[in-house]
């Protein structure tokens, strides 16, 4: 299959970046320089720059030119959630546990029409202060449903799943999205009496995948955290293997 000229040039330039010929923040080739080096038209040179910018590989600054993006790309990144309790005692309160079947959640979890999930709402405390509110949706096939009315049995959801199914969620593949979120919903804010409406929270959405050849999730959890008690550490190393755009 023929590769478009602009993609061919883009791959050459990315390989050069991976070899360290230019560093993040360095000035990148201009349209005229690309035309001259690769003997291509203005249209192709512009396509190269647009394509690399769409991949966050270069950044254009109006009136100054094009630069290698400062963000790290094609790196192995290890992310660690930091516990900022600073020695304060921690505990969890389970607010409710019930079997539910909201169609929107079932779609997110890729559950079948006749499948349900277990909805668990919890608060996390540092000393007497609420620092996190979480709503977890757990695939009911991996929970002992006879324990639904025993709130204390769900203080640790992962331990519950491990005891009931033999699956260790800590060892499973997951994806997690973390954003800053302005919250005005009183159903959330009521658990944080010191927070006024609106307040800024760290919102995390976590999806944990089953270790089988199926699309259904084991877990989907939404958490709201007070920013002052949350942190993240990033450790990265550069990939050396070839990567195609």
C-alpha atoms as a PDB file:
ATOM      1  CA  UNK A   1       0.000   0.000   0.000  1.00  0.00           C
ATOM      2  CA  UNK A   2       1.357   3.413  -1.000  1.00  0.00           C
ATOM      3  CA  UNK A   3       1.960   5.822   1.868  1.00  0.00           C
ATOM      4  CA  UNK A   4       0.958   9.444   1.361  1.00  0.00           C
ATOM      5  CA  UNK A   5       4.004  11.652   0.839  1.00  0.00           C
ATOM      6  CA  UNK A   6       3.240  13.854   3.852  1.00  0.00           C
ATOM      7  CA  UNK A   7       2.996  10.758   6.099  1.00  0.00           C
ATOM      8  CA  UNK A   8       6.234   9.364   4.723  1.00  0.00           C
ATOM      9  CA  UNK A   9       7.997  12.637   5.534  1.00  0.00           C
ATOM     10  CA  UNK A  10       6.321  12.796   8.945  1.00  0.00           C
ATOM     11  CA  UNK A  11       7.627   9.347   9.858  1.00  0.00           C
ATOM     12  CA  UNK A  12      11.163  10.360   8.843  1.00  0.00           C
ATOM     13  CA  UNK A  13      10.960  13.439  11.053  1.00  0.00           C
ATOM     14  CA  UNK A  14       9.543  11.511  14.013  1.00  0.00           C
ATOM     15  CA  UNK A  15      12.425   9.010  13.780  1.00  0.00           C
ATOM     16  CA  UNK A  16      14.862  11.924  13.884  1.00  0.00           C
ATOM     17  CA  UNK A  17      13.136  13.297  16.989  1.00  0.00           C
ATOM     18  CA  UNK A  18      13.319   9.900  18.672  1.00  0.00           C
ATOM     19  CA  UNK A  19      17.060   9.842  18.007  1.00  0.00           C
ATOM     20  CA  UNK A  20      17.419  13.200  19.771  1.00  0.00           C
ATOM     21  CA  UNK A  21      18.312  15.326  16.746  1.00  0.00           C
ATOM     22  CA  UNK A  22      15.906  17.931  18.123  1.00  0.00           C
ATOM     23  CA  UNK A  23      14.771  18.310  21.728  1.00  0.00           C
ATOM     24  CA  UNK A  24      11.423  19.426  23.194  1.00  0.00           C
ATOM     25  CA  UNK A  25      11.164  23.199  22.830  1.00  0.00           C
ATOM     26  CA  UNK A  26      13.640  23.414  19.914  1.00  0.00           C
ATOM     27  CA  UNK A  27      12.619  25.286  16.770  1.00  0.00           C
ATOM     28  CA  UNK A  28      11.242  22.892  14.146  1.00  0.00           C
ATOM     29  CA  UNK A  29      11.424  23.070  10.350  1.00  0.00           C
ATOM     30  CA  UNK A  30       9.467  25.839   8.666  1.00  0.00           C
ATOM     31  CA  UNK A  31       7.306  25.266   5.593  1.00  0.00           C
ATOM     32  CA  UNK A  32      10.060  26.661   3.373  1.00  0.00           C
ATOM     33  CA  UNK A  33      12.709  24.425   4.971  1.00  0.00           C
ATOM     34  CA  UNK A  34      10.555  21.316   4.484  1.00  0.00           C
ATOM     35  CA  UNK A  35       9.966  22.253   0.818  1.00  0.00           C
ATOM     36  CA  UNK A  36      13.685  22.620   0.212  1.00  0.00           C
ATOM     37  CA  UNK A  37      14.835  19.530   2.129  1.00  0.00           C
ATOM     38  CA  UNK A  38      12.282  17.083   0.706  1.00  0.00           C
ATOM     39  CA  UNK A  39      11.722  18.787  -2.668  1.00  0.00           C
ATOM     40  CA  UNK A  40       7.952  18.951  -2.182  1.00  0.00           C
ATOM     41  CA  UNK A  41       5.212  21.507  -2.783  1.00  0.00           C
ATOM     42  CA  UNK A  42       3.918  24.019  -0.270  1.00  0.00           C
ATOM     43  CA  UNK A  43       0.740  21.967   0.028  1.00  0.00           C
ATOM     44  CA  UNK A  44       2.660  18.859   1.107  1.00  0.00           C
ATOM     45  CA  UNK A  45       4.866  20.822   3.508  1.00  0.00           C
ATOM     46  CA  UNK A  46       1.781  22.338   5.178  1.00  0.00           C
ATOM     47  CA  UNK A  47       0.196  18.869   5.433  1.00  0.00           C
ATOM     48  CA  UNK A  48       3.310  17.612   7.228  1.00  0.00           C
ATOM     49  CA  UNK A  49       3.152  20.423   9.777  1.00  0.00           C
ATOM     50  CA  UNK A  50      -0.600  20.064  10.258  1.00  0.00           C
ATOM     51  CA  UNK A  51      -0.286  16.322  10.729  1.00  0.00           C
ATOM     52  CA  UNK A  52       2.521  16.558  13.265  1.00  0.00           C
ATOM     53  CA  UNK A  53       0.622  19.245  15.141  1.00  0.00           C
ATOM     54  CA  UNK A  54      -2.503  17.043  15.235  1.00  0.00           C
ATOM     55  CA  UNK A  55      -0.367  14.334  16.868  1.00  0.00           C
ATOM     56  CA  UNK A  56       0.970  16.834  19.458  1.00  0.00           C
ATOM     57  CA  UNK A  57       4.495  16.333  18.136  1.00  0.00           C
ATOM     58  CA  UNK A  58       5.019  19.989  17.216  1.00  0.00           C
ATOM     59  CA  UNK A  59       3.472  23.218  18.441  1.00  0.00           C
ATOM     60  CA  UNK A  60       2.911  26.349  16.370  1.00  0.00           C
ATOM     61  CA  UNK A  61       3.369  29.753  17.988  1.00  0.00           C
ATOM     62  CA  UNK A  62       1.886  32.628  16.034  1.00  0.00           C
ATOM     63  CA  UNK A  63       4.541  35.055  14.875  1.00  0.00           C
ATOM     64  CA  UNK A  64       7.411  32.876  16.131  1.00  0.00           C
ATOM     65  CA  UNK A  65       7.303  29.607  14.213  1.00  0.00           C
ATOM     66  CA  UNK A  66       6.961  25.881  14.855  1.00  0.00           C
ATOM     67  CA  UNK A  67       8.595  24.104  17.795  1.00  0.00           C
ATOM     68  CA  UNK A  68       9.002  20.548  19.039  1.00  0.00           C
ATOM     69  CA  UNK A  69       6.232  19.995  21.577  1.00  0.00           C
ATOM     70  CA  UNK A  70       7.352  20.059  25.206  1.00  0.00           C
ATOM     71  CA  UNK A  71       4.934  17.289  26.210  1.00  0.00           C
ATOM     72  CA  UNK A  72       6.432  13.798  26.452  1.00  0.00           C
ATOM     73  CA  UNK A  73       5.207  11.465  23.701  1.00  0.00           C
ATOM     74  CA  UNK A  74       5.975   7.801  23.007  1.00  0.00           C
ATOM     75  CA  UNK A  75       7.275   7.317  26.544  1.00  0.00           C
ATOM     76  CA  UNK A  76       6.676   4.539  29.024  1.00  0.00           C
ATOM     77  CA  UNK A  77       4.990   6.447  31.832  1.00  0.00           C
ATOM     78  CA  UNK A  78       4.450   5.154  35.370  1.00  0.00           C
ATOM     79  CA  UNK A  79       1.776   7.038  37.289  1.00  0.00           C
ATOM     80  CA  UNK A  80       1.464   6.767  41.059  1.00  0.00           C
ATOM     81  CA  UNK A  81      -1.438   8.207  43.056  1.00  0.00           C
ATOM     82  CA  UNK A  82       0.030   9.890  46.114  1.00  0.00           C
ATOM     83  CA  UNK A  83      -1.553   9.556  49.545  1.00  0.00           C
ATOM     84  CA  UNK A  84      -1.473  13.006  51.130  1.00  0.00           C
ATOM     85  CA  UNK A  85      -2.972  11.983  54.476  1.00  0.00           C
ATOM     86  CA  UNK A  86       0.270  13.131  56.173  1.00  0.00           C
ATOM     87  CA  UNK A  87      -0.071  10.550  58.915  1.00  0.00           C
ATOM     88  CA  UNK A  88      -3.771  11.120  59.578  1.00  0.00           C
ATOM     89  CA  UNK A  89      -5.781   7.935  60.258  1.00  0.00           C
ATOM     90  CA  UNK A  90      -7.836   6.772  57.260  1.00  0.00           C
ATOM     91  CA  UNK A  91     -11.163   5.016  57.168  1.00  0.00           C
ATOM     92  CA  UNK A  92     -14.019   4.264  54.771  1.00  0.00           C
ATOM     93  CA  UNK A  93     -17.772   4.521  55.298  1.00  0.00           C
ATOM     94  CA  UNK A  94     -20.084   2.543  53.002  1.00  0.00           C
ATOM     95  CA  UNK A  95     -23.219   4.580  52.307  1.00  0.00           C
ATOM     96  CA  UNK A  96     -25.218   2.073  50.278  1.00  0.00           C
ATOM     97  CA  UNK A  97     -25.023  -1.160  48.306  1.00  0.00           C
ATOM     98  CA  UNK A  98     -27.694  -2.251  45.849  1.00  0.00           C
ATOM     99  CA  UNK A  99     -28.313  -4.149  42.627  1.00  0.00           C
ATOM    100  CA  UNK A 100     -29.047  -1.740  39.785  1.00  0.00           C
ATOM    101  CA  UNK A 101     -29.557  -1.777  36.009  1.00  0.00           C
ATOM    102  CA  UNK A 102     -29.316   1.775  34.644  1.00  0.00           C
ATOM    103  CA  UNK A 103     -29.044   1.445  30.866  1.00  0.00           C
ATOM    104  CA  UNK A 104     -26.343   4.138  30.550  1.00  0.00           C
ATOM    105  CA  UNK A 105     -24.070   2.403  33.062  1.00  0.00           C
ATOM    106  CA  UNK A 106     -24.729  -0.996  31.481  1.00  0.00           C
ATOM    107  CA  UNK A 107     -23.661   0.408  28.127  1.00  0.00           C
ATOM    108  CA  UNK A 108     -20.435   1.801  29.603  1.00  0.00           C
ATOM    109  CA  UNK A 109     -19.729  -1.588  31.189  1.00  0.00           C
ATOM    110  CA  UNK A 110     -20.704  -3.497  28.010  1.00  0.00           C
ATOM    111  CA  UNK A 111     -23.142  -5.636  29.972  1.00  0.00           C
ATOM    112  CA  UNK A 112     -25.807  -7.755  28.331  1.00  0.00           C
ATOM    113  CA  UNK A 113     -29.466  -6.702  28.389  1.00  0.00           C
ATOM    114  CA  UNK A 114     -30.330  -9.172  31.154  1.00  0.00           C
ATOM    115  CA  UNK A 115     -27.224  -8.440  33.269  1.00  0.00           C
ATOM    116  CA  UNK A 116     -27.223  -6.182  36.317  1.00  0.00           C
ATOM    117  CA  UNK A 117     -24.462  -4.603  38.384  1.00  0.00           C
ATOM    118  CA  UNK A 118     -23.867  -3.783  42.038  1.00  0.00           C
ATOM    119  CA  UNK A 119     -23.811  -0.053  42.840  1.00  0.00           C
ATOM    120  CA  UNK A 120     -21.700   0.880  45.869  1.00  0.00           C
ATOM    121  CA  UNK A 121     -21.400   4.410  47.295  1.00  0.00           C
ATOM    122  CA  UNK A 122     -18.607   5.145  49.757  1.00  0.00           C
ATOM    123  CA  UNK A 123     -16.873   7.986  51.590  1.00  0.00           C
ATOM    124  CA  UNK A 124     -13.184   8.102  52.417  1.00  0.00           C
ATOM    125  CA  UNK A 125     -12.002   9.997  55.520  1.00  0.00           C
ATOM    126  CA  UNK A 126      -8.707  11.381  56.745  1.00  0.00           C
ATOM    127  CA  UNK A 127      -9.339  11.666  60.490  1.00  0.00           C
ATOM    128  CA  UNK A 128     -12.854  13.142  60.641  1.00  0.00           C
ATOM    129  CA  UNK A 129     -12.684  14.927  57.287  1.00  0.00           C
ATOM    130  CA  UNK A 130     -14.345  13.549  54.149  1.00  0.00           C
ATOM    131  CA  UNK A 131     -11.791  13.699  51.334  1.00  0.00           C
ATOM    132  CA  UNK A 132     -13.410  11.459  48.682  1.00  0.00           C
ATOM    133  CA  UNK A 133     -16.849  10.358  47.488  1.00  0.00           C
ATOM    134  CA  UNK A 134     -16.974   7.333  45.171  1.00  0.00           C
ATOM    135  CA  UNK A 135     -19.663   5.507  43.242  1.00  0.00           C
ATOM    136  CA  UNK A 136     -18.595   2.054  42.068  1.00  0.00           C
ATOM    137  CA  UNK A 137     -20.457  -0.137  39.601  1.00  0.00           C
ATOM    138  CA  UNK A 138     -19.341  -3.762  39.889  1.00  0.00           C
ATOM    139  CA  UNK A 139     -20.208  -6.635  37.565  1.00  0.00           C
ATOM    140  CA  UNK A 140     -22.625  -8.681  39.693  1.00  0.00           C
ATOM    141  CA  UNK A 141     -21.184 -11.989  38.479  1.00  0.00           C
ATOM    142  CA  UNK A 142     -18.122 -11.429  40.673  1.00  0.00           C
ATOM    143  CA  UNK A 143     -19.890 -10.481  43.920  1.00  0.00           C
ATOM    144  CA  UNK A 144     -21.623 -12.699  46.484  1.00  0.00           C
ATOM    145  CA  UNK A 145     -25.096 -11.129  46.249  1.00  0.00           C
ATOM    146  CA  UNK A 146     -26.160 -12.632  49.591  1.00  0.00           C
ATOM    147  CA  UNK A 147     -23.979  -9.934  51.250  1.00  0.00           C
ATOM    148  CA  UNK A 148     -25.776  -6.966  49.664  1.00  0.00           C
ATOM    149  CA  UNK A 149     -27.417  -5.930  52.951  1.00  0.00           C
ATOM    150  CA  UNK A 150     -24.167  -6.065  54.916  1.00  0.00           C
ATOM    151  CA  UNK A 151     -22.570  -2.675  54.273  1.00  0.00           C
ATOM    152  CA  UNK A 152     -19.457  -3.477  56.273  1.00  0.00           C
ATOM    153  CA  UNK A 153     -18.675  -6.287  53.825  1.00  0.00           C
ATOM    154  CA  UNK A 154     -17.945  -3.684  51.123  1.00  0.00           C
ATOM    155  CA  UNK A 155     -15.467  -1.434  52.945  1.00  0.00           C
ATOM    156  CA  UNK A 156     -12.809  -2.814  50.578  1.00  0.00           C
ATOM    157  CA  UNK A 157     -14.446  -3.561  47.233  1.00  0.00           C
ATOM    158  CA  UNK A 158     -11.342  -5.204  45.771  1.00  0.00           C
ATOM    159  CA  UNK A 159     -11.017  -7.506  48.784  1.00  0.00           C
ATOM    160  CA  UNK A 160     -14.719  -8.364  48.401  1.00  0.00           C
ATOM    161  CA  UNK A 161     -14.218  -9.300  44.730  1.00  0.00           C
ATOM    162  CA  UNK A 162     -11.108 -11.324  45.544  1.00  0.00           C
ATOM    163  CA  UNK A 163     -12.882 -13.244  48.314  1.00  0.00           C
ATOM    164  CA  UNK A 164     -16.006 -13.904  46.250  1.00  0.00           C
ATOM    165  CA  UNK A 165     -14.536 -14.672  42.829  1.00  0.00           C
ATOM    166  CA  UNK A 166     -10.850 -15.462  43.275  1.00  0.00           C
ATOM    167  CA  UNK A 167      -9.965 -12.629  40.876  1.00  0.00           C
ATOM    168  CA  UNK A 168      -7.501 -10.010  42.135  1.00  0.00           C
ATOM    169  CA  UNK A 169      -8.540  -6.619  40.658  1.00  0.00           C
ATOM    170  CA  UNK A 170      -5.137  -5.157  41.543  1.00  0.00           C
ATOM    171  CA  UNK A 171      -3.584  -7.400  38.892  1.00  0.00           C
ATOM    172  CA  UNK A 172      -6.018  -6.497  36.107  1.00  0.00           C
ATOM    173  CA  UNK A 173      -5.624  -4.017  33.261  1.00  0.00           C
ATOM    174  CA  UNK A 174      -7.449  -0.734  33.837  1.00  0.00           C
ATOM    175  CA  UNK A 175      -7.798   2.729  32.366  1.00  0.00           C
ATOM    176  CA  UNK A 176      -8.218   5.864  34.432  1.00  0.00           C
ATOM    177  CA  UNK A 177      -9.104   9.419  33.456  1.00  0.00           C
ATOM    178  CA  UNK A 178      -8.355  12.282  35.858  1.00  0.00           C
ATOM    179  CA  UNK A 179      -9.637  15.840  35.380  1.00  0.00           C
ATOM    180  CA  UNK A 180     -10.368  18.954  37.386  1.00  0.00           C
ATOM    181  CA  UNK A 181     -14.131  19.358  37.742  1.00  0.00           C
ATOM    182  CA  UNK A 182     -16.272  22.241  38.975  1.00  0.00           C
ATOM    183  CA  UNK A 183     -19.079  20.616  40.963  1.00  0.00           C
ATOM    184  CA  UNK A 184     -22.452  22.198  41.733  1.00  0.00           C
ATOM    185  CA  UNK A 185     -24.426  18.992  42.306  1.00  0.00           C
ATOM    186  CA  UNK A 186     -25.804  19.067  45.851  1.00  0.00           C
ATOM    187  CA  UNK A 187     -26.017  15.258  45.870  1.00  0.00           C
ATOM    188  CA  UNK A 188     -22.211  15.316  45.861  1.00  0.00           C
ATOM    189  CA  UNK A 189     -21.496  18.496  47.812  1.00  0.00           C
ATOM    190  CA  UNK A 190     -23.668  17.423  50.762  1.00  0.00           C
ATOM    191  CA  UNK A 191     -20.900  15.011  51.775  1.00  0.00           C
ATOM    192  CA  UNK A 192     -18.356  17.847  51.921  1.00  0.00           C
ATOM    193  CA  UNK A 193     -19.816  20.342  54.443  1.00  0.00           C
ATOM    194  CA  UNK A 194     -16.796  22.680  54.206  1.00  0.00           C
ATOM    195  CA  UNK A 195     -17.167  23.088  50.430  1.00  0.00           C
ATOM    196  CA  UNK A 196     -19.335  25.828  48.940  1.00  0.00           C
ATOM    197  CA  UNK A 197     -21.141  25.580  45.623  1.00  0.00           C
ATOM    198  CA  UNK A 198     -19.544  25.564  43.128  1.00  0.00           C
ATOM    199  CA  UNK A 199     -16.336  23.841  44.242  1.00  0.00           C
ATOM    200  CA  UNK A 200     -13.424  22.356  42.340  1.00  0.00           C
ATOM    201  CA  UNK A 201     -12.761  18.642  42.755  1.00  0.00           C
ATOM    202  CA  UNK A 202     -10.487  16.061  41.203  1.00  0.00           C
ATOM    203  CA  UNK A 203     -12.763  13.703  39.266  1.00  0.00           C
ATOM    204  CA  UNK A 204     -11.482  10.248  38.406  1.00  0.00           C
ATOM    205  CA  UNK A 205     -13.164   7.646  36.212  1.00  0.00           C
ATOM    206  CA  UNK A 206     -11.706   4.156  36.391  1.00  0.00           C
ATOM    207  CA  UNK A 207     -12.552   1.153  34.212  1.00  0.00           C
ATOM    208  CA  UNK A 208     -11.150  -2.255  35.182  1.00  0.00           C
ATOM    209  CA  UNK A 209     -11.177  -4.958  32.518  1.00  0.00           C
ATOM    210  CA  UNK A 210     -11.900  -8.633  32.978  1.00  0.00           C
ATOM    211  CA  UNK A 211      -9.062 -11.126  32.278  1.00  0.00           C
ATOM    212  CA  UNK A 212     -11.134 -12.958  29.686  1.00  0.00           C
ATOM    213  CA  UNK A 213     -11.782 -12.583  25.967  1.00  0.00           C
ATOM    214  CA  UNK A 214     -14.887 -10.476  26.515  1.00  0.00           C
ATOM    215  CA  UNK A 215     -15.640  -6.790  26.448  1.00  0.00           C
ATOM    216  CA  UNK A 216     -17.598  -6.475  29.711  1.00  0.00           C
ATOM    217  CA  UNK A 217     -15.964  -4.523  32.542  1.00  0.00           C
ATOM    218  CA  UNK A 218     -15.406  -5.808  36.048  1.00  0.00           C
ATOM    219  CA  UNK A 219     -15.627  -2.295  37.486  1.00  0.00           C
ATOM    220  CA  UNK A 220     -16.495   1.259  36.569  1.00  0.00           C
ATOM    221  CA  UNK A 221     -15.898   3.804  39.347  1.00  0.00           C
ATOM    222  CA  UNK A 222     -16.397   7.566  39.541  1.00  0.00           C
ATOM    223  CA  UNK A 223     -14.620   9.392  42.381  1.00  0.00           C
ATOM    224  CA  UNK A 224     -14.654  13.004  43.538  1.00  0.00           C
ATOM    225  CA  UNK A 225     -11.587  13.992  45.569  1.00  0.00           C
ATOM    226  CA  UNK A 226     -10.609  17.177  47.386  1.00  0.00           C
ATOM    227  CA  UNK A 227      -7.600  18.585  45.454  1.00  0.00           C
ATOM    228  CA  UNK A 228      -5.524  19.297  48.555  1.00  0.00           C
ATOM    229  CA  UNK A 229      -5.470  15.602  49.439  1.00  0.00           C
ATOM    230  CA  UNK A 230      -4.598  14.289  46.003  1.00  0.00           C
ATOM    231  CA  UNK A 231      -1.339  14.128  44.086  1.00  0.00           C
ATOM    232  CA  UNK A 232       0.282  12.160  41.302  1.00  0.00           C
ATOM    233  CA  UNK A 233       3.896  11.212  40.601  1.00  0.00           C
ATOM    234  CA  UNK A 234       5.037  10.666  36.998  1.00  0.00           C
ATOM    235  CA  UNK A 235       8.077   8.581  36.098  1.00  0.00           C
ATOM    236  CA  UNK A 236       8.921   8.193  32.397  1.00  0.00           C
ATOM    237  CA  UNK A 237      11.485   6.488  30.207  1.00  0.00           C
ATOM    238  CA  UNK A 238      11.868   6.952  26.465  1.00  0.00           C
ATOM    239  CA  UNK A 239      10.799   4.178  24.121  1.00  0.00           C
ATOM    240  CA  UNK A 240      13.484   2.986  21.749  1.00  0.00           C
ATOM    241  CA  UNK A 241      11.293   0.868  19.463  1.00  0.00           C
ATOM    242  CA  UNK A 242       9.984   2.125  16.124  1.00  0.00           C
ATOM    243  CA  UNK A 243       6.561   3.731  16.279  1.00  0.00           C
ATOM    244  CA  UNK A 244       4.358   4.335  13.257  1.00  0.00           C
ATOM    245  CA  UNK A 245       2.138   7.368  13.047  1.00  0.00           C
END
